[in-house]
Amino acid sequence: MKVYGIKNCDTVKKARKFLEEASVDYEFHDYKKDGVDGDKLAAFVGEFGWETVLNRRGTTWRKLDEATQDSVVDARSALDVMMENPSVIKRPIVEGEVKNFIGFDPVAWEMALELGELK
């Protein structure tokens, strides 16, 4: 299993703590340190939709200039902005053996653990 995110993100910290307490082995990919793989990001956009993968609620999005924000109208333009500003990618994204997840929802993750989907 691979967890994508940013090390200092509070949500990613909670997710990683959850996995560690549940004794789930995973590899962590830090967008800030390890970069963003465009093909992988495009696959996540294909799976979850660009509106879900692009985090418009975070401070990074709010700090982008209005022209950049207004330029995001479809998957291609969203991918361009996310590649240039990895902090606007919703976190974490978990690439599991059985299923992929986006965002951290402890109740959903607990259910996924019980069903064997989170591994």
PDB file of N, CA and C in Angstrom:
ATOM      1  N   MET A   1       0.847  -1.171   0.000  1.00  0.00           N
ATOM      2  CA  MET A   1       0.000   0.000   0.000  1.00  0.00           C
ATOM      3  C   MET A   1       0.891   1.231   0.000  1.00  0.00           C
ATOM      4  N   LYS A   2       0.417   2.257  -0.699  1.00  0.00           N
ATOM      5  CA  LYS A   2       1.172   3.494  -0.794  1.00  0.00           C
ATOM      6  C   LYS A   2       0.261   4.664  -0.432  1.00  0.00           C
ATOM      7  N   VAL A   3       0.781   5.543   0.421  1.00  0.00           N
ATOM      8  CA  VAL A   3       0.052   6.726   0.853  1.00  0.00           C
ATOM      9  C   VAL A   3       0.733   7.940   0.244  1.00  0.00           C
ATOM     10  N   TYR A   4      -0.041   8.750  -0.473  1.00  0.00           N
ATOM     11  CA  TYR A   4       0.467   9.964  -1.110  1.00  0.00           C
ATOM     12  C   TYR A   4      -0.026  11.174  -0.321  1.00  0.00           C
ATOM     13  N   GLY A   5       0.887  12.101  -0.080  1.00  0.00           N
ATOM     14  CA  GLY A   5       0.500  13.306   0.635  1.00  0.00           C
ATOM     15  C   GLY A   5       1.681  14.195   0.917  1.00  0.00           C
ATOM     16  N   ILE A   6       1.528  15.009   1.941  1.00  0.00           N
ATOM     17  CA  ILE A   6       2.575  15.921   2.376  1.00  0.00           C
ATOM     18  C   ILE A   6       2.798  15.663   3.858  1.00  0.00           C
ATOM     19  N   LYS A   7       4.045  15.424   4.220  1.00  0.00           N
ATOM     20  CA  LYS A   7       4.415  15.003   5.571  1.00  0.00           C
ATOM     21  C   LYS A   7       3.838  15.895   6.668  1.00  0.00           C
ATOM     22  N   ASN A   8       3.842  17.202   6.474  1.00  0.00           N
ATOM     23  CA  ASN A   8       3.415  18.120   7.525  1.00  0.00           C
ATOM     24  C   ASN A   8       1.916  18.412   7.538  1.00  0.00           C
ATOM     25  N   CYS A   9       1.165  17.824   6.641  1.00  0.00           N
ATOM     26  CA  CYS A   9      -0.291  18.019   6.585  1.00  0.00           C
ATOM     27  C   CYS A   9      -0.940  17.322   7.784  1.00  0.00           C
ATOM     28  N   ASP A  10      -1.791  18.044   8.504  1.00  0.00           N
ATOM     29  CA  ASP A  10      -2.442  17.477   9.687  1.00  0.00           C
ATOM     30  C   ASP A  10      -3.299  16.258   9.347  1.00  0.00           C
ATOM     31  N   THR A  11      -4.006  16.313   8.230  1.00  0.00           N
ATOM     32  CA  THR A  11      -4.850  15.186   7.839  1.00  0.00           C
ATOM     33  C   THR A  11      -3.997  13.962   7.512  1.00  0.00           C
ATOM     34  N   VAL A  12      -2.879  14.180   6.844  1.00  0.00           N
ATOM     35  CA  VAL A  12      -1.976  13.075   6.525  1.00  0.00           C
ATOM     36  C   VAL A  12      -1.382  12.498   7.811  1.00  0.00           C
ATOM     37  N   LYS A  13      -1.057  13.350   8.752  1.00  0.00           N
ATOM     38  CA  LYS A  13      -0.535  12.875  10.043  1.00  0.00           C
ATOM     39  C   LYS A  13      -1.560  11.976  10.735  1.00  0.00           C
ATOM     40  N   LYS A  14      -2.825  12.380  10.733  1.00  0.00           N
ATOM     41  CA  LYS A  14      -3.894  11.580  11.348  1.00  0.00           C
ATOM     42  C   LYS A  14      -4.041  10.242  10.626  1.00  0.00           C
ATOM     43  N   ALA A  15      -4.003  10.285   9.305  1.00  0.00           N
ATOM     44  CA  ALA A  15      -4.148   9.060   8.513  1.00  0.00           C
ATOM     45  C   ALA A  15      -2.993   8.095   8.779  1.00  0.00           C
ATOM     46  N   ARG A  16      -1.784   8.634   8.809  1.00  0.00           N
ATOM     47  CA  ARG A  16      -0.617   7.781   9.054  1.00  0.00           C
ATOM     48  C   ARG A  16      -0.664   7.184  10.461  1.00  0.00           C
ATOM     49  N   LYS A  17      -1.082   7.974  11.426  1.00  0.00           N
ATOM     50  CA  LYS A  17      -1.209   7.477  12.795  1.00  0.00           C
ATOM     51  C   LYS A  17      -2.239   6.356  12.848  1.00  0.00           C
ATOM     52  N   PHE A  18      -3.361   6.542  12.163  1.00  0.00           N
ATOM     53  CA  PHE A  18      -4.398   5.521  12.095  1.00  0.00           C
ATOM     54  C   PHE A  18      -3.821   4.215  11.551  1.00  0.00           C
ATOM     55  N   LEU A  19      -3.106   4.300  10.435  1.00  0.00           N
ATOM     56  CA  LEU A  19      -2.533   3.105   9.812  1.00  0.00           C
ATOM     57  C   LEU A  19      -1.510   2.435  10.721  1.00  0.00           C
ATOM     58  N   GLU A  20      -0.675   3.247  11.356  1.00  0.00           N
ATOM     59  CA  GLU A  20       0.342   2.687  12.250  1.00  0.00           C
ATOM     60  C   GLU A  20      -0.300   2.005  13.450  1.00  0.00           C
ATOM     61  N   GLU A  21      -1.336   2.623  14.033  1.00  0.00           N
ATOM     62  CA  GLU A  21      -2.026   2.008  15.165  1.00  0.00           C
ATOM     63  C   GLU A  21      -2.757   0.731  14.766  1.00  0.00           C
ATOM     64  N   ALA A  22      -3.158   0.643  13.512  1.00  0.00           N
ATOM     65  CA  ALA A  22      -3.836  -0.557  13.003  1.00  0.00           C
ATOM     66  C   ALA A  22      -2.829  -1.586  12.476  1.00  0.00           C
ATOM     67  N   SER A  23      -1.531  -1.293  12.612  1.00  0.00           N
ATOM     68  CA  SER A  23      -0.454  -2.174  12.133  1.00  0.00           C
ATOM     69  C   SER A  23      -0.550  -2.472  10.647  1.00  0.00           C
ATOM     70  N   VAL A  24      -0.894  -1.444   9.878  1.00  0.00           N
ATOM     71  CA  VAL A  24      -0.974  -1.578   8.423  1.00  0.00           C
ATOM     72  C   VAL A  24       0.342  -1.071   7.833  1.00  0.00           C
ATOM     73  N   ASP A  25       1.006  -1.926   7.082  1.00  0.00           N
ATOM     74  CA  ASP A  25       2.258  -1.533   6.435  1.00  0.00           C
ATOM     75  C   ASP A  25       1.952  -0.685   5.211  1.00  0.00           C
ATOM     76  N   TYR A  26       2.717   0.379   5.030  1.00  0.00           N
ATOM     77  CA  TYR A  26       2.531   1.237   3.870  1.00  0.00           C
ATOM     78  C   TYR A  26       3.833   1.963   3.560  1.00  0.00           C
ATOM     79  N   GLU A  27       3.902   2.423   2.338  1.00  0.00           N
ATOM     80  CA  GLU A  27       5.005   3.274   1.888  1.00  0.00           C
ATOM     81  C   GLU A  27       4.438   4.681   1.778  1.00  0.00           C
ATOM     82  N   PHE A  28       5.216   5.675   2.208  1.00  0.00           N
ATOM     83  CA  PHE A  28       4.741   7.052   2.140  1.00  0.00           C
ATOM     84  C   PHE A  28       5.453   7.792   1.020  1.00  0.00           C
ATOM     85  N   HIS A  29       4.676   8.457   0.185  1.00  0.00           N
ATOM     86  CA  HIS A  29       5.210   9.283  -0.908  1.00  0.00           C
ATOM     87  C   HIS A  29       4.867  10.733  -0.600  1.00  0.00           C
ATOM     88  N   ASP A  30       5.889  11.520  -0.311  1.00  0.00           N
ATOM     89  CA  ASP A  30       5.718  12.936   0.030  1.00  0.00           C
ATOM     90  C   ASP A  30       5.847  13.767  -1.249  1.00  0.00           C
ATOM     91  N   TYR A  31       4.757  14.434  -1.616  1.00  0.00           N
ATOM     92  CA  TYR A  31       4.774  15.247  -2.833  1.00  0.00           C
ATOM     93  C   TYR A  31       5.860  16.318  -2.792  1.00  0.00           C
ATOM     94  N   LYS A  32       6.110  16.873  -1.625  1.00  0.00           N
ATOM     95  CA  LYS A  32       7.113  17.945  -1.509  1.00  0.00           C
ATOM     96  C   LYS A  32       8.517  17.404  -1.735  1.00  0.00           C
ATOM     97  N   LYS A  33       8.794  16.230  -1.203  1.00  0.00           N
ATOM     98  CA  LYS A  33      10.142  15.652  -1.289  1.00  0.00           C
ATOM     99  C   LYS A  33      10.331  14.788  -2.536  1.00  0.00           C
ATOM    100  N   ASP A  34       9.307  13.998  -2.854  1.00  0.00           N
ATOM    101  CA  ASP A  34       9.428  13.005  -3.920  1.00  0.00           C
ATOM    102  C   ASP A  34       8.823  13.440  -5.249  1.00  0.00           C
ATOM    103  N   GLY A  35       8.126  14.572  -5.256  1.00  0.00           N
ATOM    104  CA  GLY A  35       7.519  15.068  -6.485  1.00  0.00           C
ATOM    105  C   GLY A  35       6.193  14.392  -6.783  1.00  0.00           C
ATOM    106  N   VAL A  36       5.601  14.797  -7.893  1.00  0.00           N
ATOM    107  CA  VAL A  36       4.307  14.273  -8.318  1.00  0.00           C
ATOM    108  C   VAL A  36       4.485  13.592  -9.670  1.00  0.00           C
ATOM    109  N   ASP A  37       4.059  12.356  -9.761  1.00  0.00           N
ATOM    110  CA  ASP A  37       4.092  11.619 -11.019  1.00  0.00           C
ATOM    111  C   ASP A  37       2.825  11.980 -11.796  1.00  0.00           C
ATOM    112  N   GLY A  38       2.996  12.616 -12.946  1.00  0.00           N
ATOM    113  CA  GLY A  38       1.862  13.077 -13.736  1.00  0.00           C
ATOM    114  C   GLY A  38       0.925  11.969 -14.159  1.00  0.00           C
ATOM    115  N   ASP A  39       1.474  10.824 -14.535  1.00  0.00           N
ATOM    116  CA  ASP A  39       0.626   9.701 -14.953  1.00  0.00           C
ATOM    117  C   ASP A  39      -0.188   9.158 -13.782  1.00  0.00           C
ATOM    118  N   LYS A  40       0.444   9.067 -12.621  1.00  0.00           N
ATOM    119  CA  LYS A  40      -0.246   8.578 -11.425  1.00  0.00           C
ATOM    120  C   LYS A  40      -1.356   9.548 -11.032  1.00  0.00           C
ATOM    121  N   LEU A  41      -1.041  10.853 -11.065  1.00  0.00           N
ATOM    122  CA  LEU A  41      -2.039  11.861 -10.725  1.00  0.00           C
ATOM    123  C   LEU A  41      -3.214  11.806 -11.707  1.00  0.00           C
ATOM    124  N   ALA A  42      -2.904  11.643 -12.987  1.00  0.00           N
ATOM    125  CA  ALA A  42      -3.957  11.529 -14.003  1.00  0.00           C
ATOM    126  C   ALA A  42      -4.833  10.300 -13.744  1.00  0.00           C
ATOM    127  N   ALA A  43      -4.225   9.212 -13.286  1.00  0.00           N
ATOM    128  CA  ALA A  43      -4.996   8.005 -12.962  1.00  0.00           C
ATOM    129  C   ALA A  43      -5.936   8.272 -11.789  1.00  0.00           C
ATOM    130  N   PHE A  44      -5.451   8.994 -10.774  1.00  0.00           N
ATOM    131  CA  PHE A  44      -6.308   9.330  -9.635  1.00  0.00           C
ATOM    132  C   PHE A  44      -7.450  10.243 -10.076  1.00  0.00           C
ATOM    133  N   VAL A  45      -7.157  11.185 -10.962  1.00  0.00           N
ATOM    134  CA  VAL A  45      -8.202  12.070 -11.488  1.00  0.00           C
ATOM    135  C   VAL A  45      -9.222  11.240 -12.274  1.00  0.00           C
ATOM    136  N   GLY A  46      -8.730  10.267 -13.038  1.00  0.00           N
ATOM    137  CA  GLY A  46      -9.639   9.386 -13.772  1.00  0.00           C
ATOM    138  C   GLY A  46     -10.525   8.565 -12.848  1.00  0.00           C
ATOM    139  N   GLU A  47      -9.986   8.153 -11.723  1.00  0.00           N
ATOM    140  CA  GLU A  47     -10.742   7.326 -10.781  1.00  0.00           C
ATOM    141  C   GLU A  47     -11.711   8.138  -9.921  1.00  0.00           C
ATOM    142  N   PHE A  48     -11.215   9.252  -9.358  1.00  0.00           N
ATOM    143  CA  PHE A  48     -12.001  10.018  -8.390  1.00  0.00           C
ATOM    144  C   PHE A  48     -12.678  11.258  -8.972  1.00  0.00           C
ATOM    145  N   GLY A  49     -12.212  11.715 -10.149  1.00  0.00           N
ATOM    146  CA  GLY A  49     -12.713  12.957 -10.728  1.00  0.00           C
ATOM    147  C   GLY A  49     -11.847  14.135 -10.301  1.00  0.00           C
ATOM    148  N   TRP A  50     -11.613  15.051 -11.226  1.00  0.00           N
ATOM    149  CA  TRP A  50     -10.716  16.172 -10.918  1.00  0.00           C
ATOM    150  C   TRP A  50     -11.281  17.076  -9.833  1.00  0.00           C
ATOM    151  N   GLU A  51     -12.606  17.178  -9.749  1.00  0.00           N
ATOM    152  CA  GLU A  51     -13.223  18.030  -8.737  1.00  0.00           C
ATOM    153  C   GLU A  51     -12.957  17.512  -7.331  1.00  0.00           C
ATOM    154  N   THR A  52     -12.770  16.205  -7.200  1.00  0.00           N
ATOM    155  CA  THR A  52     -12.478  15.601  -5.899  1.00  0.00           C
ATOM    156  C   THR A  52     -10.987  15.692  -5.582  1.00  0.00           C
ATOM    157  N   VAL A  53     -10.148  15.455  -6.567  1.00  0.00           N
ATOM    158  CA  VAL A  53      -8.697  15.442  -6.335  1.00  0.00           C
ATOM    159  C   VAL A  53      -8.163  16.853  -6.095  1.00  0.00           C
ATOM    160  N   LEU A  54      -8.750  17.842  -6.725  1.00  0.00           N
ATOM    161  CA  LEU A  54      -8.326  19.231  -6.538  1.00  0.00           C
ATOM    162  C   LEU A  54      -8.955  19.776  -5.260  1.00  0.00           C
ATOM    163  N   ASN A  55      -8.116  20.153  -4.307  1.00  0.00           N
ATOM    164  CA  ASN A  55      -8.604  20.645  -3.018  1.00  0.00           C
ATOM    165  C   ASN A  55      -8.785  22.161  -3.078  1.00  0.00           C
ATOM    166  N   ARG A  56     -10.014  22.583  -3.281  1.00  0.00           N
ATOM    167  CA  ARG A  56     -10.315  24.018  -3.350  1.00  0.00           C
ATOM    168  C   ARG A  56     -10.590  24.630  -1.976  1.00  0.00           C
ATOM    169  N   ARG A  57     -10.522  23.836  -0.932  1.00  0.00           N
ATOM    170  CA  ARG A  57     -10.792  24.344   0.418  1.00  0.00           C
ATOM    171  C   ARG A  57      -9.529  24.769   1.158  1.00  0.00           C
ATOM    172  N   GLY A  58      -8.381  24.341   0.677  1.00  0.00           N
ATOM    173  CA  GLY A  58      -7.138  24.592   1.395  1.00  0.00           C
ATOM    174  C   GLY A  58      -6.567  25.979   1.179  1.00  0.00           C
ATOM    175  N   THR A  59      -5.596  26.299   2.013  1.00  0.00           N
ATOM    176  CA  THR A  59      -4.969  27.625   1.935  1.00  0.00           C
ATOM    177  C   THR A  59      -4.178  27.802   0.644  1.00  0.00           C
ATOM    178  N   THR A  60      -3.590  26.725   0.132  1.00  0.00           N
ATOM    179  CA  THR A  60      -2.817  26.860  -1.108  1.00  0.00           C
ATOM    180  C   THR A  60      -3.717  27.326  -2.239  1.00  0.00           C
ATOM    181  N   TRP A  61      -4.909  26.740  -2.352  1.00  0.00           N
ATOM    182  CA  TRP A  61      -5.848  27.155  -3.393  1.00  0.00           C
ATOM    183  C   TRP A  61      -6.225  28.622  -3.225  1.00  0.00           C
ATOM    184  N   ARG A  62      -6.529  29.002  -1.995  1.00  0.00           N
ATOM    185  CA  ARG A  62      -6.941  30.383  -1.734  1.00  0.00           C
ATOM    186  C   ARG A  62      -5.823  31.379  -2.017  1.00  0.00           C
ATOM    187  N   LYS A  63      -4.587  30.929  -1.926  1.00  0.00           N
ATOM    188  CA  LYS A  63      -3.447  31.821  -2.187  1.00  0.00           C
ATOM    189  C   LYS A  63      -3.128  31.949  -3.681  1.00  0.00           C
ATOM    190  N   LEU A  64      -3.682  31.053  -4.500  1.00  0.00           N
ATOM    191  CA  LEU A  64      -3.447  31.151  -5.941  1.00  0.00           C
ATOM    192  C   LEU A  64      -4.132  32.403  -6.477  1.00  0.00           C
ATOM    193  N   ASP A  65      -3.524  33.009  -7.483  1.00  0.00           N
ATOM    194  CA  ASP A  65      -4.147  34.205  -8.053  1.00  0.00           C
ATOM    195  C   ASP A  65      -5.452  33.835  -8.753  1.00  0.00           C
ATOM    196  N   GLU A  66      -6.300  34.819  -8.889  1.00  0.00           N
ATOM    197  CA  GLU A  66      -7.638  34.597  -9.442  1.00  0.00           C
ATOM    198  C   GLU A  66      -7.591  34.034 -10.864  1.00  0.00           C
ATOM    199  N   ALA A  67      -6.629  34.490 -11.652  1.00  0.00           N
ATOM    200  CA  ALA A  67      -6.518  33.998 -13.033  1.00  0.00           C
ATOM    201  C   ALA A  67      -6.217  32.500 -13.050  1.00  0.00           C
ATOM    202  N   THR A  68      -5.353  32.038 -12.151  1.00  0.00           N
ATOM    203  CA  THR A  68      -5.036  30.612 -12.080  1.00  0.00           C
ATOM    204  C   THR A  68      -6.266  29.831 -11.645  1.00  0.00           C
ATOM    205  N   GLN A  69      -6.952  30.317 -10.619  1.00  0.00           N
ATOM    206  CA  GLN A  69      -8.164  29.641 -10.157  1.00  0.00           C
ATOM    207  C   GLN A  69      -9.206  29.569 -11.272  1.00  0.00           C
ATOM    208  N   ASP A  70      -9.398  30.671 -11.971  1.00  0.00           N
ATOM    209  CA  ASP A  70     -10.391  30.721 -13.042  1.00  0.00           C
ATOM    210  C   ASP A  70     -10.020  29.848 -14.236  1.00  0.00           C
ATOM    211  N   SER A  71      -8.727  29.531 -14.371  1.00  0.00           N
ATOM    212  CA  SER A  71      -8.280  28.720 -15.511  1.00  0.00           C
ATOM    213  C   SER A  71      -8.647  27.246 -15.350  1.00  0.00           C
ATOM    214  N   VAL A  72      -9.023  26.827 -14.148  1.00  0.00           N
ATOM    215  CA  VAL A  72      -9.346  25.425 -13.896  1.00  0.00           C
ATOM    216  C   VAL A  72     -10.810  25.170 -14.264  1.00  0.00           C
ATOM    217  N   VAL A  73     -10.978  24.556 -15.438  1.00  0.00           N
ATOM    218  CA  VAL A  73     -12.329  24.318 -15.955  1.00  0.00           C
ATOM    219  C   VAL A  73     -12.578  22.858 -16.342  1.00  0.00           C
ATOM    220  N   ASP A  74     -11.504  22.062 -16.350  1.00  0.00           N
ATOM    221  CA  ASP A  74     -11.635  20.662 -16.739  1.00  0.00           C
ATOM    222  C   ASP A  74     -10.462  19.871 -16.164  1.00  0.00           C
ATOM    223  N   ALA A  75     -10.434  18.575 -16.450  1.00  0.00           N
ATOM    224  CA  ALA A  75      -9.393  17.706 -15.900  1.00  0.00           C
ATOM    225  C   ALA A  75      -7.998  18.148 -16.329  1.00  0.00           C
ATOM    226  N   ARG A  76      -7.820  18.509 -17.584  1.00  0.00           N
ATOM    227  CA  ARG A  76      -6.498  18.900 -18.074  1.00  0.00           C
ATOM    228  C   ARG A  76      -5.981  20.143 -17.351  1.00  0.00           C
ATOM    229  N   SER A  77      -6.811  21.162 -17.227  1.00  0.00           N
ATOM    230  CA  SER A  77      -6.373  22.388 -16.555  1.00  0.00           C
ATOM    231  C   SER A  77      -6.161  22.139 -15.057  1.00  0.00           C
ATOM    232  N   ALA A  78      -6.974  21.279 -14.460  1.00  0.00           N
ATOM    233  CA  ALA A  78      -6.792  20.943 -13.047  1.00  0.00           C
ATOM    234  C   ALA A  78      -5.472  20.206 -12.844  1.00  0.00           C
ATOM    235  N   LEU A  79      -5.172  19.263 -13.736  1.00  0.00           N
ATOM    236  CA  LEU A  79      -3.897  18.539 -13.652  1.00  0.00           C
ATOM    237  C   LEU A  79      -2.713  19.493 -13.754  1.00  0.00           C
ATOM    238  N   ASP A  80      -2.794  20.445 -14.668  1.00  0.00           N
ATOM    239  CA  ASP A  80      -1.711  21.419 -14.820  1.00  0.00           C
ATOM    240  C   ASP A  80      -1.467  22.190 -13.526  1.00  0.00           C
ATOM    241  N   VAL A  81      -2.544  22.653 -12.908  1.00  0.00           N
ATOM    242  CA  VAL A  81      -2.414  23.418 -11.659  1.00  0.00           C
ATOM    243  C   VAL A  81      -1.893  22.524 -10.535  1.00  0.00           C
ATOM    244  N   MET A  82      -2.373  21.277 -10.457  1.00  0.00           N
ATOM    245  CA  MET A  82      -1.912  20.362  -9.403  1.00  0.00           C
ATOM    246  C   MET A  82      -0.448  19.978  -9.578  1.00  0.00           C
ATOM    247  N   MET A  83      -0.011  19.817 -10.818  1.00  0.00           N
ATOM    248  CA  MET A  83       1.393  19.494 -11.057  1.00  0.00           C
ATOM    249  C   MET A  83       2.293  20.657 -10.628  1.00  0.00           C
ATOM    250  N   GLU A  84       1.835  21.854 -10.874  1.00  0.00           N
ATOM    251  CA  GLU A  84       2.612  23.039 -10.528  1.00  0.00           C
ATOM    252  C   GLU A  84       2.520  23.383  -9.040  1.00  0.00           C
ATOM    253  N   ASN A  85       1.424  23.005  -8.403  1.00  0.00           N
ATOM    254  CA  ASN A  85       1.168  23.325  -6.993  1.00  0.00           C
ATOM    255  C   ASN A  85       0.678  22.060  -6.272  1.00  0.00           C
ATOM    256  N   PRO A  86       1.587  21.136  -5.940  1.00  0.00           N
ATOM    257  CA  PRO A  86       1.167  19.861  -5.346  1.00  0.00           C
ATOM    258  C   PRO A  86       0.362  20.002  -4.054  1.00  0.00           C
ATOM    259  N   SER A  87       0.470  21.126  -3.384  1.00  0.00           N
ATOM    260  CA  SER A  87      -0.279  21.307  -2.141  1.00  0.00           C
ATOM    261  C   SER A  87      -1.779  21.445  -2.370  1.00  0.00           C
ATOM    262  N   VAL A  88      -2.223  21.600  -3.619  1.00  0.00           N
ATOM    263  CA  VAL A  88      -3.667  21.665  -3.884  1.00  0.00           C
ATOM    264  C   VAL A  88      -4.261  20.290  -4.171  1.00  0.00           C
ATOM    265  N   ILE A  89      -3.448  19.251  -4.089  1.00  0.00           N
ATOM    266  CA  ILE A  89      -3.950  17.892  -4.265  1.00  0.00           C
ATOM    267  C   ILE A  89      -4.561  17.446  -2.937  1.00  0.00           C
ATOM    268  N   LYS A  90      -5.788  16.953  -2.986  1.00  0.00           N
ATOM    269  CA  LYS A  90      -6.451  16.466  -1.766  1.00  0.00           C
ATOM    270  C   LYS A  90      -5.600  15.364  -1.148  1.00  0.00           C
ATOM    271  N   ARG A  91      -5.536  15.388   0.172  1.00  0.00           N
ATOM    272  CA  ARG A  91      -4.666  14.455   0.876  1.00  0.00           C
ATOM    273  C   ARG A  91      -5.420  13.767   2.007  1.00  0.00           C
ATOM    274  N   PRO A  92      -4.970  12.551   2.283  1.00  0.00           N
ATOM    275  CA  PRO A  92      -4.075  11.706   1.512  1.00  0.00           C
ATOM    276  C   PRO A  92      -4.831  10.973   0.395  1.00  0.00           C
ATOM    277  N   ILE A  93      -4.064  10.462  -0.529  1.00  0.00           N
ATOM    278  CA  ILE A  93      -4.593   9.503  -1.504  1.00  0.00           C
ATOM    279  C   ILE A  93      -3.887   8.189  -1.188  1.00  0.00           C
ATOM    280  N   VAL A  94      -4.677   7.146  -0.997  1.00  0.00           N
ATOM    281  CA  VAL A  94      -4.123   5.840  -0.648  1.00  0.00           C
ATOM    282  C   VAL A  94      -4.333   4.893  -1.815  1.00  0.00           C
ATOM    283  N   GLU A  95      -3.238   4.324  -2.258  1.00  0.00           N
ATOM    284  CA  GLU A  95      -3.267   3.326  -3.316  1.00  0.00           C
ATOM    285  C   GLU A  95      -3.132   1.964  -2.648  1.00  0.00           C
ATOM    286  N   GLY A  96      -4.249   1.268  -2.538  1.00  0.00           N
ATOM    287  CA  GLY A  96      -4.250  -0.016  -1.845  1.00  0.00           C
ATOM    288  C   GLY A  96      -4.192  -1.188  -2.794  1.00  0.00           C
ATOM    289  N   GLU A  97      -4.034  -2.354  -2.212  1.00  0.00           N
ATOM    290  CA  GLU A  97      -4.012  -3.581  -3.006  1.00  0.00           C
ATOM    291  C   GLU A  97      -5.390  -3.907  -3.561  1.00  0.00           C
ATOM    292  N   VAL A  98      -6.419  -3.565  -2.794  1.00  0.00           N
ATOM    293  CA  VAL A  98      -7.785  -3.913  -3.150  1.00  0.00           C
ATOM    294  C   VAL A  98      -8.561  -2.713  -3.668  1.00  0.00           C
ATOM    295  N   LYS A  99      -8.341  -1.555  -3.041  1.00  0.00           N
ATOM    296  CA  LYS A  99      -9.145  -0.376  -3.323  1.00  0.00           C
ATOM    297  C   LYS A  99      -8.301   0.872  -3.045  1.00  0.00           C
ATOM    298  N   ASN A 100      -8.612   1.960  -3.736  1.00  0.00           N
ATOM    299  CA  ASN A 100      -7.956   3.244  -3.480  1.00  0.00           C
ATOM    300  C   ASN A 100      -8.902   4.142  -2.692  1.00  0.00           C
ATOM    301  N   PHE A 101      -8.312   5.035  -1.911  1.00  0.00           N
ATOM    302  CA  PHE A 101      -9.079   5.953  -1.071  1.00  0.00           C
ATOM    303  C   PHE A 101      -8.551   7.362  -1.255  1.00  0.00           C
ATOM    304  N   ILE A 102      -9.418   8.341  -1.075  1.00  0.00           N
ATOM    305  CA  ILE A 102      -8.987   9.739  -1.104  1.00  0.00           C
ATOM    306  C   ILE A 102      -9.571  10.437   0.119  1.00  0.00           C
ATOM    307  N   GLY A 103      -8.727  11.199   0.789  1.00  0.00           N
ATOM    308  CA  GLY A 103      -9.140  11.860   2.019  1.00  0.00           C
ATOM    309  C   GLY A 103      -9.101  10.886   3.182  1.00  0.00           C
ATOM    310  N   PHE A 104      -9.158  11.417   4.387  1.00  0.00           N
ATOM    311  CA  PHE A 104      -9.137  10.571   5.570  1.00  0.00           C
ATOM    312  C   PHE A 104     -10.470  10.658   6.287  1.00  0.00           C
ATOM    313  N   ASP A 105     -11.136   9.516   6.363  1.00  0.00           N
ATOM    314  CA  ASP A 105     -12.387   9.378   7.092  1.00  0.00           C
ATOM    315  C   ASP A 105     -12.196   8.166   8.005  1.00  0.00           C
ATOM    316  N   PRO A 106     -11.949   8.395   9.303  1.00  0.00           N
ATOM    317  CA  PRO A 106     -11.634   7.276  10.184  1.00  0.00           C
ATOM    318  C   PRO A 106     -12.727   6.202  10.235  1.00  0.00           C
ATOM    319  N   VAL A 107     -13.988   6.585  10.139  1.00  0.00           N
ATOM    320  CA  VAL A 107     -15.072   5.602  10.171  1.00  0.00           C
ATOM    321  C   VAL A 107     -15.025   4.727   8.912  1.00  0.00           C
ATOM    322  N   ALA A 108     -14.889   5.361   7.764  1.00  0.00           N
ATOM    323  CA  ALA A 108     -14.805   4.611   6.498  1.00  0.00           C
ATOM    324  C   ALA A 108     -13.556   3.730   6.469  1.00  0.00           C
ATOM    325  N   TRP A 109     -12.455   4.248   6.986  1.00  0.00           N
ATOM    326  CA  TRP A 109     -11.217   3.463   6.992  1.00  0.00           C
ATOM    327  C   TRP A 109     -11.337   2.280   7.946  1.00  0.00           C
ATOM    328  N   GLU A 110     -12.008   2.467   9.077  1.00  0.00           N
ATOM    329  CA  GLU A 110     -12.210   1.361  10.023  1.00  0.00           C
ATOM    330  C   GLU A 110     -13.043   0.269   9.356  1.00  0.00           C
ATOM    331  N   MET A 111     -14.088   0.657   8.644  1.00  0.00           N
ATOM    332  CA  MET A 111     -14.915  -0.313   7.926  1.00  0.00           C
ATOM    333  C   MET A 111     -14.102  -1.014   6.841  1.00  0.00           C
ATOM    334  N   ALA A 112     -13.276  -0.242   6.121  1.00  0.00           N
ATOM    335  CA  ALA A 112     -12.441  -0.822   5.069  1.00  0.00           C
ATOM    336  C   ALA A 112     -11.440  -1.817   5.650  1.00  0.00           C
ATOM    337  N   LEU A 113     -10.913  -1.518   6.834  1.00  0.00           N
ATOM    338  CA  LEU A 113     -10.018  -2.468   7.505  1.00  0.00           C
ATOM    339  C   LEU A 113     -10.740  -3.766   7.798  1.00  0.00           C
ATOM    340  N   GLU A 114     -11.941  -3.650   8.344  1.00  0.00           N
ATOM    341  CA  GLU A 114     -12.718  -4.841   8.679  1.00  0.00           C
ATOM    342  C   GLU A 114     -13.062  -5.673   7.447  1.00  0.00           C
ATOM    343  N   LEU A 115     -13.277  -4.999   6.323  1.00  0.00           N
ATOM    344  CA  LEU A 115     -13.603  -5.701   5.079  1.00  0.00           C
ATOM    345  C   LEU A 115     -12.371  -6.181   4.319  1.00  0.00           C
ATOM    346  N   GLY A 116     -11.200  -5.815   4.823  1.00  0.00           N
ATOM    347  CA  GLY A 116      -9.956  -6.214   4.162  1.00  0.00           C
ATOM    348  C   GLY A 116      -9.643  -5.371   2.929  1.00  0.00           C
ATOM    349  N   GLU A 117     -10.291  -4.207   2.810  1.00  0.00           N
ATOM    350  CA  GLU A 117     -10.057  -3.341   1.658  1.00  0.00           C
ATOM    351  C   GLU A 117      -8.882  -2.390   1.862  1.00  0.00           C
ATOM    352  N   LEU A 118      -8.521  -2.155   3.103  1.00  0.00           N
ATOM    353  CA  LEU A 118      -7.449  -1.212   3.398  1.00  0.00           C
ATOM    354  C   LEU A 118      -6.203  -2.012   3.756  1.00  0.00           C
ATOM    355  N   LYS A 119      -5.445  -2.317   2.698  1.00  0.00           N
ATOM    356  CA  LYS A 119      -4.194  -3.054   2.885  1.00  0.00           C
ATOM    357  C   LYS A 119      -3.324  -2.877   1.678  1.00  0.00           C
TER     358      LYS A 119
END
